[in-house]
PDB file of N, CA and C in Angstrom:
ATOM      1  N   MET A   1      10.475 -17.939 -13.815  1.00  0.00           N
ATOM      2  CA  MET A   1       9.828 -19.142 -14.300  1.00  0.00           C
ATOM      3  C   MET A   1      10.446 -20.344 -13.601  1.00  0.00           C
ATOM      4  N   ILE A   2       9.619 -21.284 -13.218  1.00  0.00           N
ATOM      5  CA  ILE A   2      10.067 -22.466 -12.486  1.00  0.00           C
ATOM      6  C   ILE A   2      10.315 -23.598 -13.483  1.00  0.00           C
ATOM      7  N   PRO A   3      11.485 -24.247 -13.426  1.00  0.00           N
ATOM      8  CA  PRO A   3      11.765 -25.358 -14.345  1.00  0.00           C
ATOM      9  C   PRO A   3      10.759 -26.491 -14.174  1.00  0.00           C
ATOM     10  N   GLU A   4      10.460 -27.180 -15.292  1.00  0.00           N
ATOM     11  CA  GLU A   4       9.451 -28.240 -15.263  1.00  0.00           C
ATOM     12  C   GLU A   4       9.857 -29.411 -14.375  1.00  0.00           C
ATOM     13  N   ASN A   5      11.148 -29.776 -14.351  1.00  0.00           N
ATOM     14  CA  ASN A   5      11.563 -30.911 -13.524  1.00  0.00           C
ATOM     15  C   ASN A   5      11.397 -30.603 -12.037  1.00  0.00           C
ATOM     16  N   LEU A   6      11.503 -29.346 -11.656  1.00  0.00           N
ATOM     17  CA  LEU A   6      11.274 -28.973 -10.261  1.00  0.00           C
ATOM     18  C   LEU A   6       9.808 -29.160  -9.910  1.00  0.00           C
ATOM     19  N   LEU A   7       8.922 -28.777 -10.819  1.00  0.00           N
ATOM     20  CA  LEU A   7       7.492 -28.940 -10.568  1.00  0.00           C
ATOM     21  C   LEU A   7       7.094 -30.407 -10.533  1.00  0.00           C
ATOM     22  N   ALA A   8       7.695 -31.216 -11.390  1.00  0.00           N
ATOM     23  CA  ALA A   8       7.340 -32.632 -11.449  1.00  0.00           C
ATOM     24  C   ALA A   8       7.778 -33.370 -10.188  1.00  0.00           C
ATOM     25  N   ASN A   9       8.882 -32.975  -9.595  1.00  0.00           N
ATOM     26  CA  ASN A   9       9.414 -33.666  -8.424  1.00  0.00           C
ATOM     27  C   ASN A   9       9.035 -32.998  -7.111  1.00  0.00           C
ATOM     28  N   SER A  10       8.193 -31.994  -7.148  1.00  0.00           N
ATOM     29  CA  SER A  10       7.857 -31.244  -5.944  1.00  0.00           C
ATOM     30  C   SER A  10       6.632 -31.812  -5.260  1.00  0.00           C
ATOM     31  N   SER A  11       6.603 -31.620  -3.967  1.00  0.00           N
ATOM     32  CA  SER A  11       5.440 -32.048  -3.199  1.00  0.00           C
ATOM     33  C   SER A  11       4.331 -31.010  -3.347  1.00  0.00           C
ATOM     34  N   PRO A  12       3.098 -31.414  -3.115  1.00  0.00           N
ATOM     35  CA  PRO A  12       1.988 -30.454  -3.182  1.00  0.00           C
ATOM     36  C   PRO A  12       2.136 -29.321  -2.169  1.00  0.00           C
ATOM     37  N   GLU A  13       2.754 -29.629  -1.027  1.00  0.00           N
ATOM     38  CA  GLU A  13       2.944 -28.593  -0.016  1.00  0.00           C
ATOM     39  C   GLU A  13       3.862 -27.482  -0.520  1.00  0.00           C
ATOM     40  N   LEU A  14       4.907 -27.862  -1.251  1.00  0.00           N
ATOM     41  CA  LEU A  14       5.824 -26.867  -1.794  1.00  0.00           C
ATOM     42  C   LEU A  14       5.116 -25.987  -2.817  1.00  0.00           C
ATOM     43  N   LEU A  15       4.356 -26.618  -3.696  1.00  0.00           N
ATOM     44  CA  LEU A  15       3.632 -25.847  -4.708  1.00  0.00           C
ATOM     45  C   LEU A  15       2.601 -24.935  -4.058  1.00  0.00           C
ATOM     46  N   PHE A  16       1.935 -25.441  -3.023  1.00  0.00           N
ATOM     47  CA  PHE A  16       0.958 -24.634  -2.293  1.00  0.00           C
ATOM     48  C   PHE A  16       1.650 -23.439  -1.640  1.00  0.00           C
ATOM     49  N   GLY A  17       2.824 -23.680  -1.065  1.00  0.00           N
ATOM     50  CA  GLY A  17       3.592 -22.606  -0.437  1.00  0.00           C
ATOM     51  C   GLY A  17       4.063 -21.575  -1.441  1.00  0.00           C
ATOM     52  N   LEU A  18       4.481 -22.024  -2.615  1.00  0.00           N
ATOM     53  CA  LEU A  18       4.894 -21.081  -3.655  1.00  0.00           C
ATOM     54  C   LEU A  18       3.727 -20.214  -4.103  1.00  0.00           C
ATOM     55  N   GLY A  19       2.544 -20.805  -4.176  1.00  0.00           N
ATOM     56  CA  GLY A  19       1.357 -20.033  -4.547  1.00  0.00           C
ATOM     57  C   GLY A  19       1.044 -18.973  -3.517  1.00  0.00           C
ATOM     58  N   PHE A  20       1.117 -19.347  -2.240  1.00  0.00           N
ATOM     59  CA  PHE A  20       0.860 -18.370  -1.183  1.00  0.00           C
ATOM     60  C   PHE A  20       1.933 -17.291  -1.139  1.00  0.00           C
ATOM     61  N   ALA A  21       3.171 -17.657  -1.444  1.00  0.00           N
ATOM     62  CA  ALA A  21       4.233 -16.652  -1.474  1.00  0.00           C
ATOM     63  C   ALA A  21       3.935 -15.602  -2.539  1.00  0.00           C
ATOM     64  N   GLY A  22       3.440 -16.042  -3.674  1.00  0.00           N
ATOM     65  CA  GLY A  22       3.072 -15.097  -4.726  1.00  0.00           C
ATOM     66  C   GLY A  22       1.939 -14.185  -4.303  1.00  0.00           C
ATOM     67  N   VAL A  23       0.958 -14.746  -3.608  1.00  0.00           N
ATOM     68  CA  VAL A  23      -0.171 -13.943  -3.125  1.00  0.00           C
ATOM     69  C   VAL A  23       0.315 -12.935  -2.089  1.00  0.00           C
ATOM     70  N   TYR A  24       1.143 -13.374  -1.157  1.00  0.00           N
ATOM     71  CA  TYR A  24       1.652 -12.471  -0.122  1.00  0.00           C
ATOM     72  C   TYR A  24       2.507 -11.352  -0.724  1.00  0.00           C
ATOM     73  N   LEU A  25       3.333 -11.688  -1.695  1.00  0.00           N
ATOM     74  CA  LEU A  25       4.159 -10.664  -2.332  1.00  0.00           C
ATOM     75  C   LEU A  25       3.301  -9.646  -3.078  1.00  0.00           C
ATOM     76  N   THR A  26       2.242 -10.115  -3.721  1.00  0.00           N
ATOM     77  CA  THR A  26       1.339  -9.203  -4.423  1.00  0.00           C
ATOM     78  C   THR A  26       0.645  -8.267  -3.447  1.00  0.00           C
ATOM     79  N   ILE A  27       0.176  -8.802  -2.331  1.00  0.00           N
ATOM     80  CA  ILE A  27      -0.484  -7.972  -1.316  1.00  0.00           C
ATOM     81  C   ILE A  27       0.508  -6.980  -0.715  1.00  0.00           C
ATOM     82  N   ALA A  28       1.716  -7.436  -0.427  1.00  0.00           N
ATOM     83  CA  ALA A  28       2.728  -6.543   0.145  1.00  0.00           C
ATOM     84  C   ALA A  28       3.071  -5.413  -0.822  1.00  0.00           C
ATOM     85  N   LEU A  29       3.191  -5.728  -2.090  1.00  0.00           N
ATOM     86  CA  LEU A  29       3.476  -4.698  -3.087  1.00  0.00           C
ATOM     87  C   LEU A  29       2.325  -3.698  -3.183  1.00  0.00           C
ATOM     88  N   ALA A  30       1.094  -4.182  -3.121  1.00  0.00           N
ATOM     89  CA  ALA A  30      -0.072  -3.291  -3.165  1.00  0.00           C
ATOM     90  C   ALA A  30      -0.090  -2.359  -1.954  1.00  0.00           C
ATOM     91  N   VAL A  31       0.265  -2.877  -0.783  1.00  0.00           N
ATOM     92  CA  VAL A  31       0.301  -2.047   0.430  1.00  0.00           C
ATOM     93  C   VAL A  31       1.384  -0.978   0.307  1.00  0.00           C
ATOM     94  N   VAL A  32       2.545  -1.351  -0.187  1.00  0.00           N
ATOM     95  CA  VAL A  32       3.631  -0.381  -0.353  1.00  0.00           C
ATOM     96  C   VAL A  32       3.216   0.723  -1.326  1.00  0.00           C
ATOM     97  N   VAL A  33       2.604   0.349  -2.440  1.00  0.00           N
ATOM     98  CA  VAL A  33       2.154   1.346  -3.417  1.00  0.00           C
ATOM     99  C   VAL A  33       1.098   2.255  -2.801  1.00  0.00           C
ATOM    100  N   LEU A  34       0.159   1.683  -2.040  1.00  0.00           N
ATOM    101  CA  LEU A  34      -0.891   2.472  -1.394  1.00  0.00           C
ATOM    102  C   LEU A  34      -0.299   3.480  -0.415  1.00  0.00           C
ATOM    103  N   VAL A  35       0.639   3.038   0.407  1.00  0.00           N
ATOM    104  CA  VAL A  35       1.234   3.921   1.415  1.00  0.00           C
ATOM    105  C   VAL A  35       2.071   5.016   0.755  1.00  0.00           C
ATOM    106  N   VAL A  36       2.863   4.667  -0.238  1.00  0.00           N
ATOM    107  CA  VAL A  36       3.675   5.675  -0.931  1.00  0.00           C
ATOM    108  C   VAL A  36       2.770   6.692  -1.626  1.00  0.00           C
ATOM    109  N   ALA A  37       1.702   6.219  -2.252  1.00  0.00           N
ATOM    110  CA  ALA A  37       0.757   7.140  -2.895  1.00  0.00           C
ATOM    111  C   ALA A  37       0.105   8.054  -1.868  1.00  0.00           C
ATOM    112  N   ALA A  38      -0.231   7.519  -0.698  1.00  0.00           N
ATOM    113  CA  ALA A  38      -0.841   8.340   0.350  1.00  0.00           C
ATOM    114  C   ALA A  38       0.140   9.389   0.858  1.00  0.00           C
ATOM    115  N   VAL A  39       1.393   9.016   1.042  1.00  0.00           N
ATOM    116  CA  VAL A  39       2.396   9.974   1.525  1.00  0.00           C
ATOM    117  C   VAL A  39       2.555  11.121   0.526  1.00  0.00           C
ATOM    118  N   PHE A  40       2.684  10.797  -0.756  1.00  0.00           N
ATOM    119  CA  PHE A  40       2.822  11.855  -1.756  1.00  0.00           C
ATOM    120  C   PHE A  40       1.552  12.688  -1.867  1.00  0.00           C
ATOM    121  N   SER A  41       0.407  12.050  -1.749  1.00  0.00           N
ATOM    122  CA  SER A  41      -0.855  12.782  -1.810  1.00  0.00           C
ATOM    123  C   SER A  41      -0.978  13.760  -0.648  1.00  0.00           C
ATOM    124  N   VAL A  42      -0.567  13.335   0.543  1.00  0.00           N
ATOM    125  CA  VAL A  42      -0.599  14.230   1.705  1.00  0.00           C
ATOM    126  C   VAL A  42       0.387  15.378   1.507  1.00  0.00           C
ATOM    127  N   LEU A  43       1.592  15.062   1.061  1.00  0.00           N
ATOM    128  CA  LEU A  43       2.615  16.095   0.900  1.00  0.00           C
ATOM    129  C   LEU A  43       2.215  17.161  -0.115  1.00  0.00           C
ATOM    130  N   PHE A  44       1.528  16.769  -1.173  1.00  0.00           N
ATOM    131  CA  PHE A  44       1.169  17.718  -2.220  1.00  0.00           C
ATOM    132  C   PHE A  44      -0.249  18.255  -2.088  1.00  0.00           C
ATOM    133  N   SER A  45      -0.908  17.962  -0.975  1.00  0.00           N
ATOM    134  CA  SER A  45      -2.253  18.496  -0.763  1.00  0.00           C
ATOM    135  C   SER A  45      -2.160  19.939  -0.291  1.00  0.00           C
ATOM    136  N   ARG A  46      -3.296  20.606  -0.279  1.00  0.00           N
ATOM    137  CA  ARG A  46      -3.318  22.020   0.103  1.00  0.00           C
ATOM    138  C   ARG A  46      -3.695  22.217   1.565  1.00  0.00           C
ATOM    139  N   ILE A  47      -3.626  21.195   2.371  1.00  0.00           N
ATOM    140  CA  ILE A  47      -3.925  21.359   3.795  1.00  0.00           C
ATOM    141  C   ILE A  47      -2.744  22.030   4.483  1.00  0.00           C
ATOM    142  N   GLY A  48      -2.967  22.524   5.677  1.00  0.00           N
ATOM    143  CA  GLY A  48      -1.918  23.211   6.418  1.00  0.00           C
ATOM    144  C   GLY A  48      -0.797  22.275   6.844  1.00  0.00           C
ATOM    145  N   PHE A  49       0.330  22.880   7.208  1.00  0.00           N
ATOM    146  CA  PHE A  49       1.510  22.107   7.589  1.00  0.00           C
ATOM    147  C   PHE A  49       1.236  21.189   8.777  1.00  0.00           C
ATOM    148  N   GLY A  50       0.524  21.695   9.787  1.00  0.00           N
ATOM    149  CA  GLY A  50       0.235  20.889  10.976  1.00  0.00           C
ATOM    150  C   GLY A  50      -0.589  19.656  10.656  1.00  0.00           C
ATOM    151  N   MET A  51      -1.606  19.825   9.810  1.00  0.00           N
ATOM    152  CA  MET A  51      -2.434  18.674   9.438  1.00  0.00           C
ATOM    153  C   MET A  51      -1.670  17.700   8.550  1.00  0.00           C
ATOM    154  N   LYS A  52      -0.756  18.215   7.736  1.00  0.00           N
ATOM    155  CA  LYS A  52       0.079  17.314   6.937  1.00  0.00           C
ATOM    156  C   LYS A  52       0.904  16.416   7.850  1.00  0.00           C
ATOM    157  N   VAL A  53       1.474  17.016   8.893  1.00  0.00           N
ATOM    158  CA  VAL A  53       2.286  16.238   9.834  1.00  0.00           C
ATOM    159  C   VAL A  53       1.428  15.183  10.523  1.00  0.00           C
ATOM    160  N   VAL A  54       0.225  15.571  10.945  1.00  0.00           N
ATOM    161  CA  VAL A  54      -0.676  14.618  11.607  1.00  0.00           C
ATOM    162  C   VAL A  54      -1.014  13.465  10.671  1.00  0.00           C
ATOM    163  N   TRP A  55      -1.387  13.772   9.431  1.00  0.00           N
ATOM    164  CA  TRP A  55      -1.738  12.716   8.486  1.00  0.00           C
ATOM    165  C   TRP A  55      -0.534  11.833   8.165  1.00  0.00           C
ATOM    166  N   LEU A  56       0.640  12.426   8.000  1.00  0.00           N
ATOM    167  CA  LEU A  56       1.827  11.620   7.701  1.00  0.00           C
ATOM    168  C   LEU A  56       2.169  10.685   8.854  1.00  0.00           C
ATOM    169  N   ILE A  57       2.069  11.176  10.079  1.00  0.00           N
ATOM    170  CA  ILE A  57       2.321  10.310  11.236  1.00  0.00           C
ATOM    171  C   ILE A  57       1.313   9.172  11.261  1.00  0.00           C
ATOM    172  N   PHE A  58       0.054   9.492  10.993  1.00  0.00           N
ATOM    173  CA  PHE A  58      -0.987   8.462  11.002  1.00  0.00           C
ATOM    174  C   PHE A  58      -0.750   7.430   9.899  1.00  0.00           C
ATOM    175  N   VAL A  59      -0.352   7.881   8.719  1.00  0.00           N
ATOM    176  CA  VAL A  59      -0.091   6.953   7.614  1.00  0.00           C
ATOM    177  C   VAL A  59       1.125   6.084   7.921  1.00  0.00           C
ATOM    178  N   ILE A  60       2.120   6.634   8.602  1.00  0.00           N
ATOM    179  CA  ILE A  60       3.328   5.857   8.901  1.00  0.00           C
ATOM    180  C   ILE A  60       3.102   4.890  10.060  1.00  0.00           C
ATOM    181  N   ILE A  61       2.354   5.310  11.080  1.00  0.00           N
ATOM    182  CA  ILE A  61       2.120   4.439  12.239  1.00  0.00           C
ATOM    183  C   ILE A  61       1.156   3.303  11.899  1.00  0.00           C
ATOM    184  N   ALA A  62       0.081   3.622  11.188  1.00  0.00           N
ATOM    185  CA  ALA A  62      -0.906   2.612  10.790  1.00  0.00           C
ATOM    186  C   ALA A  62      -1.041   2.677   9.269  1.00  0.00           C
ATOM    187  N   PRO A  63      -0.121   2.049   8.541  1.00  0.00           N
ATOM    188  CA  PRO A  63      -0.032   2.270   7.098  1.00  0.00           C
ATOM    189  C   PRO A  63      -1.316   2.003   6.314  1.00  0.00           C
ATOM    190  N   VAL A  64      -1.893   0.850   6.462  1.00  0.00           N
ATOM    191  CA  VAL A  64      -3.060   0.514   5.645  1.00  0.00           C
ATOM    192  C   VAL A  64      -4.261   1.354   6.053  1.00  0.00           C
ATOM    193  N   ILE A  65      -4.551   1.382   7.339  1.00  0.00           N
ATOM    194  CA  ILE A  65      -5.708   2.143   7.821  1.00  0.00           C
ATOM    195  C   ILE A  65      -5.497   3.637   7.571  1.00  0.00           C
ATOM    196  N   GLY A  66      -4.314   4.143   7.855  1.00  0.00           N
ATOM    197  CA  GLY A  66      -4.034   5.558   7.652  1.00  0.00           C
ATOM    198  C   GLY A  66      -4.152   5.970   6.194  1.00  0.00           C
ATOM    199  N   ALA A  67      -3.608   5.159   5.295  1.00  0.00           N
ATOM    200  CA  ALA A  67      -3.681   5.485   3.871  1.00  0.00           C
ATOM    201  C   ALA A  67      -5.117   5.428   3.368  1.00  0.00           C
ATOM    202  N   LEU A  68      -5.849   4.402   3.768  1.00  0.00           N
ATOM    203  CA  LEU A  68      -7.246   4.301   3.335  1.00  0.00           C
ATOM    204  C   LEU A  68      -8.083   5.447   3.878  1.00  0.00           C
ATOM    205  N   LEU A  69      -7.875   5.796   5.144  1.00  0.00           N
ATOM    206  CA  LEU A  69      -8.621   6.923   5.706  1.00  0.00           C
ATOM    207  C   LEU A  69      -8.259   8.224   5.004  1.00  0.00           C
ATOM    208  N   TRP A  70      -6.997   8.400   4.658  1.00  0.00           N
ATOM    209  CA  TRP A  70      -6.621   9.612   3.934  1.00  0.00           C
ATOM    210  C   TRP A  70      -7.372   9.698   2.600  1.00  0.00           C
ATOM    211  N   PHE A  71      -7.382   8.596   1.842  1.00  0.00           N
ATOM    212  CA  PHE A  71      -8.011   8.642   0.526  1.00  0.00           C
ATOM    213  C   PHE A  71      -9.533   8.752   0.601  1.00  0.00           C
ATOM    214  N   PHE A  72     -10.148   8.175   1.635  1.00  0.00           N
ATOM    215  CA  PHE A  72     -11.610   8.210   1.715  1.00  0.00           C
ATOM    216  C   PHE A  72     -12.152   9.384   2.516  1.00  0.00           C
ATOM    217  N   ILE A  73     -11.385   9.888   3.484  1.00  0.00           N
ATOM    218  CA  ILE A  73     -11.897  10.959   4.348  1.00  0.00           C
ATOM    219  C   ILE A  73     -11.047  12.221   4.220  1.00  0.00           C
ATOM    220  N   GLY A  74      -9.753  12.119   4.445  1.00  0.00           N
ATOM    221  CA  GLY A  74      -8.888  13.295   4.517  1.00  0.00           C
ATOM    222  C   GLY A  74      -8.763  14.061   3.227  1.00  0.00           C
ATOM    223  N   ARG A  75      -8.585  13.368   2.140  1.00  0.00           N
ATOM    224  CA  ARG A  75      -8.384  14.038   0.862  1.00  0.00           C
ATOM    225  C   ARG A  75      -9.644  14.760   0.400  1.00  0.00           C
ATOM    226  N   ASN A  76     -10.801  14.243   0.773  1.00  0.00           N
ATOM    227  CA  ASN A  76     -12.056  14.863   0.352  1.00  0.00           C
ATOM    228  C   ASN A  76     -12.310  16.189   1.046  1.00  0.00           C
ATOM    229  N   HIS A  77     -11.635  16.457   2.153  1.00  0.00           N
ATOM    230  CA  HIS A  77     -11.859  17.689   2.902  1.00  0.00           C
ATOM    231  C   HIS A  77     -10.798  18.746   2.639  1.00  0.00           C
ATOM    232  N   THR A  78      -9.956  18.512   1.659  1.00  0.00           N
ATOM    233  CA  THR A  78      -8.954  19.524   1.325  1.00  0.00           C
ATOM    234  C   THR A  78      -9.544  20.494   0.312  1.00  0.00           C
ATOM    235  N   PRO A  79      -9.120  21.743   0.345  1.00  0.00           N
ATOM    236  CA  PRO A  79      -9.649  22.721  -0.618  1.00  0.00           C
ATOM    237  C   PRO A  79      -9.294  22.324  -2.049  1.00  0.00           C
ATOM    238  N   VAL A  80     -10.184  22.607  -2.955  1.00  0.00           N
ATOM    239  CA  VAL A  80      -9.947  22.297  -4.361  1.00  0.00           C
ATOM    240  C   VAL A  80      -8.954  23.306  -4.925  1.00  0.00           C
ATOM    241  N   ARG A  81      -8.029  22.823  -5.696  1.00  0.00           N
ATOM    242  CA  ARG A  81      -6.996  23.683  -6.270  1.00  0.00           C
ATOM    243  C   ARG A  81      -7.452  24.124  -7.668  1.00  0.00           C
ATOM    244  N   TYR A  82      -7.670  25.412  -7.834  1.00  0.00           N
ATOM    245  CA  TYR A  82      -8.033  25.971  -9.135  1.00  0.00           C
ATOM    246  C   TYR A  82      -6.820  26.696  -9.702  1.00  0.00           C
ATOM    247  N   TRP A  83      -6.419  26.352 -10.889  1.00  0.00           N
ATOM    248  CA  TRP A  83      -5.212  26.925 -11.476  1.00  0.00           C
ATOM    249  C   TRP A  83      -5.554  28.092 -12.305  1.00  0.00           C
TER     250      TRP A  83
END
């Protein structure tokens, strides 16, 4: 929480920058969660070892694109696990 006297004496540029910092941190946290979820999803999928390595390399080299492609394309082509 930001003290009120800091807000009262601050320039609009500072407040604008603080707002953008919050937005950037939220986006960065969302990307980290997406990539970590993709890595665990690849590791626990039923695809072969070679394809797991390929997907993990792709997710690590291009985190956002790799994770999104895994969830929209790669995960849909894995065999369904029946217990």
